[in-house]
Amino acid sequence: MNRELTYNLNDEENKTIIAFLKEKGYSIPILQNLKSNPTDVLLDGEPGFLNRIIKNRINLTVMIRETQKSDYISSNIPLDILYEDDDLIIINKAADMPIHPSINHQEGTLANALTYYYRNESSPFIYRCLNRLDKNTTGITVVAKNPLSSAILSQQMKNDNIHRTYYAVVSGIIDSPGVINAPIARASNSIITREVNFKEGQEAITEYEPLKVSDNNTLIKCTLKTGRTHQIRVHMSYIGHPLVGDFLYGNTDKTSVSGRQLLHAGEIAFTHPITGDKMLITAPLPEDFGELRILLP
């Protein structure tokens, strides 16, 4: 979506517009687009070419335009919206909802749902999902609504400045916290499954803490120090406590599940890409956690 931003320049001296915008997190593609459209940058109301000095100026206004449009089928699917502003929308994703369409699954995804949700917007909607949850993992999913918020959040993710907390129900009793430091690689016989592999795997570190026990299952809180595919599922299976309902990684008890691995993205903390505010978003544990549900802070 298009986004117009105005900056107060009272404290800026002897700096070019492009240097100022780079400090604000503008990516090279955004700057290139602004360079091609100088009327989208106004310095005190006048066209502001990016190499102009901003000394003794008051306001800089920048119009960030979408140059493409997501070509997804529009699907009227209810959304549990935890937070929304001009730059972000944060969804509590339901189970059985893929993040993106695939060749054999063109509808029923979060991308389809948001395409419908923004169908009447005056500027194009591009689907930019920052954290990709598995189809049957529930919880917090962050989507950037414009190129700038996407670029800044992506850099935060790269720099490990976005902190995510997950909750899972695992088989067996865990009575003390621990850290799993075991590299993860794609399993040799699968394009989906991952495994612990100390020779070829990438570094993967999971911290976990038991919170509640019921019927030989334990609710745990997990903090990821890395972000590997299926990391929590692989690591908990590796130490002999696969997630309840996770048939892909070794749980064979089909009597106590709701048809999915019991994994939930419950908290996320980050800095707002535009305002700089500290953000903490929580999503309540889903009902299929049963007796192991707790109230999140």
Protein backbone atom coordinates (compact mmCIF):
# COMPACT_ATOMS: atom_id res chain seq x y z
CA MET A 1 0.00 0.00 0.00
CA ASN A 2 1.06 3.60 -0.54
CA ARG A 3 2.39 5.41 2.53
CA GLU A 4 3.09 9.11 3.01
CA LEU A 5 5.52 10.13 5.76
CA THR A 6 6.56 13.58 6.96
CA TYR A 7 9.77 14.17 8.92
CA ASN A 8 10.67 17.18 11.06
CA LEU A 9 14.15 18.38 10.09
CA ASN A 10 14.83 20.90 12.84
CA ASP A 11 17.72 18.86 14.25
CA GLU A 12 19.30 17.90 10.92
CA GLU A 13 22.23 19.81 9.37
CA ASN A 14 24.53 19.44 6.35
CA LYS A 15 23.04 16.12 5.34
CA THR A 16 21.64 15.03 2.00
CA ILE A 17 18.11 13.72 1.69
CA ILE A 18 19.39 10.30 0.66
CA ALA A 19 21.72 10.08 3.67
CA PHE A 20 18.83 11.01 5.97
CA LEU A 21 16.52 8.39 4.44
CA LYS A 22 19.17 5.68 4.65
CA GLU A 23 19.42 6.39 8.38
CA LYS A 24 15.67 5.88 8.59
CA GLY A 25 15.97 2.40 7.06
CA TYR A 26 14.99 3.07 3.45
CA SER A 27 16.21 0.21 1.28
CA ILE A 28 18.04 0.61 -2.02
CA PRO A 29 14.97 -0.38 -4.13
CA ILE A 30 12.82 2.23 -2.35
CA LEU A 31 15.48 4.92 -2.85
CA GLN A 32 15.84 4.00 -6.50
CA ASN A 33 12.10 4.36 -6.97
CA LEU A 34 12.14 7.76 -5.24
CA LYS A 35 15.04 8.87 -7.41
CA SER A 36 12.94 8.06 -10.51
CA ASN A 37 9.99 10.05 -9.11
CA PRO A 38 11.36 13.29 -7.58
CA THR A 39 7.87 14.71 -7.00
CA ASP A 40 7.38 11.96 -4.40
CA VAL A 41 9.98 13.71 -2.23
CA LEU A 42 9.11 17.23 -1.09
CA LEU A 43 11.48 19.45 0.88
CA ASP A 44 9.37 22.23 2.46
CA GLY A 45 6.81 21.60 -0.28
CA GLU A 46 9.29 21.74 -3.17
CA PRO A 47 10.58 18.74 -5.18
CA GLY A 48 13.49 17.33 -3.20
CA PHE A 49 16.08 15.59 -5.31
CA LEU A 50 17.86 13.02 -3.18
CA ASN A 51 21.26 14.71 -3.32
CA ARG A 52 19.93 18.03 -1.98
CA ILE A 53 21.20 19.28 1.39
CA ILE A 54 18.49 19.61 4.04
CA LYS A 55 20.19 22.31 6.11
CA ASN A 56 17.83 25.08 7.30
CA ARG A 57 14.80 23.14 6.09
CA ILE A 58 11.75 22.28 8.20
CA ASN A 59 9.88 19.33 6.71
CA LEU A 60 10.58 16.43 4.40
CA THR A 61 7.57 14.60 2.96
CA VAL A 62 8.03 11.25 1.24
CA MET A 63 5.42 9.29 -0.72
CA ILE A 64 6.24 5.57 -0.84
CA ARG A 65 4.30 3.99 -3.66
CA GLU A 66 3.53 0.38 -4.43
CA THR A 67 4.71 -0.55 -7.89
CA GLN A 68 3.15 -4.02 -8.01
CA LYS A 69 0.10 -5.89 -6.75
CA SER A 70 -0.24 -9.35 -5.21
CA ASP A 71 -2.09 -11.63 -7.61
CA TYR A 72 -3.88 -13.87 -5.10
CA ILE A 73 -7.45 -15.12 -5.17
CA SER A 74 -9.60 -13.18 -2.74
CA SER A 75 -11.11 -15.39 0.01
CA ASN A 76 -13.60 -14.18 2.61
CA ILE A 77 -12.04 -15.82 5.68
CA PRO A 78 -12.49 -14.40 9.20
CA LEU A 79 -9.31 -12.96 10.71
CA ASP A 80 -8.37 -12.58 14.38
CA ILE A 81 -6.60 -9.21 14.20
CA LEU A 82 -4.39 -8.43 17.21
CA TYR A 83 -3.05 -5.08 15.98
CA GLU A 84 -3.26 -2.86 12.90
CA ASP A 85 -2.02 0.57 11.86
CA ASP A 86 -0.81 2.20 8.62
CA ASP A 87 2.34 0.07 8.57
CA LEU A 88 1.51 -3.33 10.09
CA ILE A 89 -1.21 -5.86 10.57
CA ILE A 90 -0.65 -8.62 13.13
CA ILE A 91 -2.84 -11.71 12.94
CA ASN A 92 -3.51 -14.52 15.40
CA LYS A 93 -3.35 -17.22 12.72
CA ALA A 94 -5.70 -20.16 13.03
CA ALA A 95 -4.74 -23.79 12.62
CA ASP A 96 -5.15 -25.39 9.18
CA MET A 97 -4.29 -22.11 7.46
CA PRO A 98 -1.20 -21.97 5.24
CA ILE A 99 0.69 -18.69 5.04
CA HIS A 100 0.98 -18.72 1.23
CA PRO A 101 -0.88 -20.43 -1.62
CA SER A 102 0.86 -23.40 -3.23
CA ILE A 103 0.46 -25.15 -6.56
CA ASN A 104 -2.20 -27.49 -5.20
CA HIS A 105 -3.66 -25.08 -2.62
CA GLN A 106 -4.62 -21.76 -4.22
CA GLU A 107 -7.23 -20.66 -1.68
CA GLY A 108 -7.83 -20.70 2.06
CA THR A 109 -4.48 -19.16 3.02
CA LEU A 110 -3.63 -16.06 5.02
CA ALA A 111 -2.57 -14.36 1.78
CA ASN A 112 -6.02 -14.99 0.29
CA ALA A 113 -7.74 -13.74 3.44
CA LEU A 114 -5.76 -10.47 3.52
CA THR A 115 -6.29 -9.94 -0.21
CA TYR A 116 -10.02 -9.97 0.53
CA TYR A 117 -9.65 -7.82 3.64
CA TYR A 118 -7.88 -5.09 1.66
CA ARG A 119 -9.94 -5.48 -1.51
CA ASN A 120 -11.39 -1.95 -1.33
CA GLU A 121 -8.16 -0.06 -0.67
CA SER A 122 -7.32 2.72 -3.12
CA SER A 123 -3.68 1.62 -3.48
CA PRO A 124 -2.42 -1.92 -4.26
CA PHE A 125 -1.91 -4.46 -1.49
CA ILE A 126 1.31 -6.48 -1.56
CA TYR A 127 1.45 -9.46 0.78
CA ARG A 128 4.67 -9.23 2.82
CA CYS A 129 4.65 -11.77 5.63
CA LEU A 130 7.58 -11.40 8.05
CA ASN A 131 7.38 -14.61 10.09
CA ARG A 132 6.12 -17.73 8.36
CA LEU A 133 4.36 -20.24 10.57
CA ASP A 134 3.65 -23.82 9.54
CA LYS A 135 0.11 -24.51 8.32
CA ASN A 136 -0.97 -26.06 11.63
CA THR A 137 1.03 -23.80 13.95
CA THR A 138 -1.21 -21.14 15.44
CA GLY A 139 -0.44 -17.67 16.65
CA ILE A 140 1.21 -14.36 15.87
CA THR A 141 1.93 -13.56 12.24
CA VAL A 142 3.26 -10.12 11.25
CA VAL A 143 2.49 -8.66 7.82
CA ALA A 144 4.04 -5.38 6.61
CA LYS A 145 1.65 -3.08 4.76
CA ASN A 146 4.18 -1.06 2.77
CA PRO A 147 7.72 -1.43 1.36
CA LEU A 148 9.39 0.64 4.08
CA SER A 149 7.94 -1.18 7.08
CA SER A 150 8.82 -4.45 5.35
CA ALA A 151 12.43 -3.39 4.73
CA ILE A 152 12.96 -2.21 8.31
CA LEU A 153 11.36 -5.25 9.92
CA SER A 154 13.31 -7.58 7.64
CA GLN A 155 16.52 -5.92 8.82
CA GLN A 156 15.41 -6.29 12.43
CA MET A 157 14.79 -9.98 11.78
CA LYS A 158 18.22 -10.36 10.17
CA ASN A 159 19.86 -8.65 13.17
CA ASP A 160 17.94 -10.86 15.67
CA ASN A 161 16.13 -7.83 17.08
CA ILE A 162 12.69 -9.45 16.85
CA HIS A 163 12.09 -11.71 19.83
CA ARG A 164 9.53 -14.50 19.54
CA THR A 165 8.15 -16.79 22.23
CA TYR A 166 6.38 -20.04 21.45
CA TYR A 167 4.28 -22.38 23.57
CA ALA A 168 4.06 -26.11 22.92
CA VAL A 169 2.59 -29.22 24.49
CA VAL A 170 5.10 -32.07 24.46
CA SER A 171 4.88 -35.73 25.34
CA GLY A 172 6.28 -36.76 28.71
CA ILE A 173 7.22 -34.89 31.85
CA ILE A 174 9.78 -32.08 31.75
CA ASP A 175 10.55 -30.77 35.22
CA SER A 176 13.37 -28.29 34.62
CA PRO A 177 14.38 -25.70 32.00
CA GLY A 178 17.06 -26.42 29.45
CA VAL A 179 18.86 -25.38 26.29
CA ILE A 180 19.11 -27.46 23.12
CA ASN A 181 22.11 -26.58 20.96
CA ALA A 182 21.95 -28.98 18.01
CA PRO A 183 22.40 -28.04 14.32
CA ILE A 184 19.52 -28.72 11.93
CA ALA A 185 19.62 -29.78 8.28
CA ARG A 186 17.13 -31.02 5.71
CA ALA A 187 16.62 -34.76 6.00
CA SER A 188 18.31 -36.54 3.11
CA ASN A 189 15.19 -38.41 2.04
CA SER A 190 12.66 -35.56 2.24
CA ILE A 191 12.03 -32.04 0.97
CA ILE A 192 9.94 -31.26 4.08
CA THR A 193 11.43 -33.01 7.08
CA ARG A 194 14.39 -31.63 9.04
CA GLU A 195 16.74 -33.44 11.39
CA VAL A 196 19.57 -32.82 13.82
CA ASN A 197 22.79 -33.17 11.84
CA PHE A 198 26.10 -32.29 13.51
CA LYS A 199 28.06 -32.57 10.25
CA GLU A 200 25.95 -30.60 7.79
CA GLY A 201 23.38 -28.74 9.87
CA GLN A 202 23.07 -25.02 10.57
CA GLU A 203 23.38 -23.73 14.12
CA ALA A 204 20.10 -24.06 16.01
CA ILE A 205 19.53 -23.10 19.66
CA THR A 206 16.26 -23.47 21.57
CA GLU A 207 15.68 -22.49 25.18
CA TYR A 208 12.71 -24.15 26.90
CA GLU A 209 10.96 -23.89 30.25
CA PRO A 210 8.24 -26.18 31.65
CA LEU A 211 5.09 -24.37 32.78
CA LYS A 212 2.43 -26.97 33.54
CA VAL A 213 1.96 -30.77 33.52
CA SER A 214 -1.17 -32.81 32.80
CA ASP A 215 -1.71 -36.46 31.78
CA ASN A 216 1.96 -37.13 31.08
CA ASN A 217 2.20 -34.07 28.84
CA THR A 218 4.02 -30.81 29.56
CA LEU A 219 3.27 -27.27 28.45
CA ILE A 220 6.58 -25.57 27.68
CA LYS A 221 7.65 -22.05 26.79
CA CYS A 222 10.29 -21.83 24.06
CA THR A 223 12.57 -18.98 23.06
CA LEU A 224 14.45 -19.29 19.78
CA LYS A 225 18.01 -18.04 19.50
CA THR A 226 17.98 -19.06 15.81
CA GLY A 227 15.17 -19.46 13.30
CA ARG A 228 15.47 -22.80 11.53
CA THR A 229 12.58 -24.53 9.79
CA HIS A 230 10.66 -26.76 12.24
CA GLN A 231 13.24 -25.92 14.91
CA ILE A 232 11.11 -26.50 18.01
CA ARG A 233 9.53 -29.63 16.54
CA VAL A 234 12.91 -31.12 15.60
CA HIS A 235 14.64 -30.19 18.86
CA MET A 236 11.94 -31.47 21.19
CA SER A 237 11.76 -34.75 19.27
CA TYR A 238 15.56 -34.98 19.45
CA ILE A 239 15.50 -34.94 23.28
CA GLY A 240 12.69 -37.48 23.44
CA HIS A 241 9.73 -35.13 23.95
CA PRO A 242 7.99 -34.72 20.56
CA LEU A 243 5.11 -32.27 20.34
CA VAL A 244 1.69 -33.75 20.96
CA GLY A 245 0.06 -34.31 17.58
CA ASP A 246 3.32 -34.05 15.65
CA PHE A 247 3.24 -37.27 13.66
CA LEU A 248 5.99 -35.99 11.35
CA TYR A 249 8.48 -35.95 14.21
CA GLY A 250 7.68 -39.04 16.16
CA ASN A 251 4.52 -38.58 18.19
CA THR A 252 2.36 -41.69 17.70
CA ASP A 253 -0.36 -41.01 20.29
CA LYS A 254 -3.43 -40.22 18.19
CA THR A 255 -5.88 -40.23 21.09
CA SER A 256 -4.99 -36.86 22.61
CA VAL A 257 -4.71 -34.55 19.64
CA SER A 258 -6.87 -32.19 17.61
CA GLY A 259 -5.25 -33.14 14.31
CA ARG A 260 -2.20 -30.89 14.53
CA GLN A 261 1.05 -30.34 16.38
CA LEU A 262 0.30 -28.31 19.51
CA LEU A 263 2.55 -25.33 18.83
CA HIS A 264 1.58 -21.69 19.22
CA ALA A 265 3.42 -18.42 18.54
CA GLY A 266 2.29 -16.60 21.66
CA GLU A 267 4.43 -13.46 22.00
CA ILE A 268 6.49 -11.15 19.83
CA ALA A 269 8.56 -8.12 20.83
CA PHE A 270 10.07 -5.65 18.37
CA THR A 271 10.55 -1.98 17.60
CA HIS A 272 7.86 -0.40 15.44
CA PRO A 273 9.49 0.24 12.05
CA ILE A 274 8.16 3.80 11.68
CA THR A 275 7.35 5.21 15.12
CA GLY A 276 10.20 3.53 16.99
CA ASP A 277 7.82 2.46 19.76
CA LYS A 278 8.54 -0.76 21.65
CA MET A 279 5.90 -3.32 20.71
CA LEU A 280 4.84 -6.40 22.67
CA ILE A 281 2.02 -8.43 21.16
CA THR A 282 0.51 -11.55 22.73
CA ALA A 283 -1.95 -14.12 21.41
CA PRO A 284 -3.92 -16.33 23.86
CA LEU A 285 -3.29 -20.05 23.84
CA PRO A 286 -5.79 -21.88 21.61
CA GLU A 287 -8.57 -24.05 23.01
CA ASP A 288 -7.03 -27.32 21.81
CA PHE A 289 -4.29 -26.90 24.43
CA GLY A 290 -7.03 -28.11 26.78
CA GLU A 291 -6.19 -28.34 30.48
CA LEU A 292 -2.71 -27.02 29.78
CA ARG A 293 -3.97 -23.60 28.73
CA ILE A 294 -2.68 -20.68 30.79
CA LEU A 295 -3.19 -16.93 30.68
CA LEU A 296 -0.32 -15.17 28.95
CA PRO A 297 1.10 -11.96 30.46
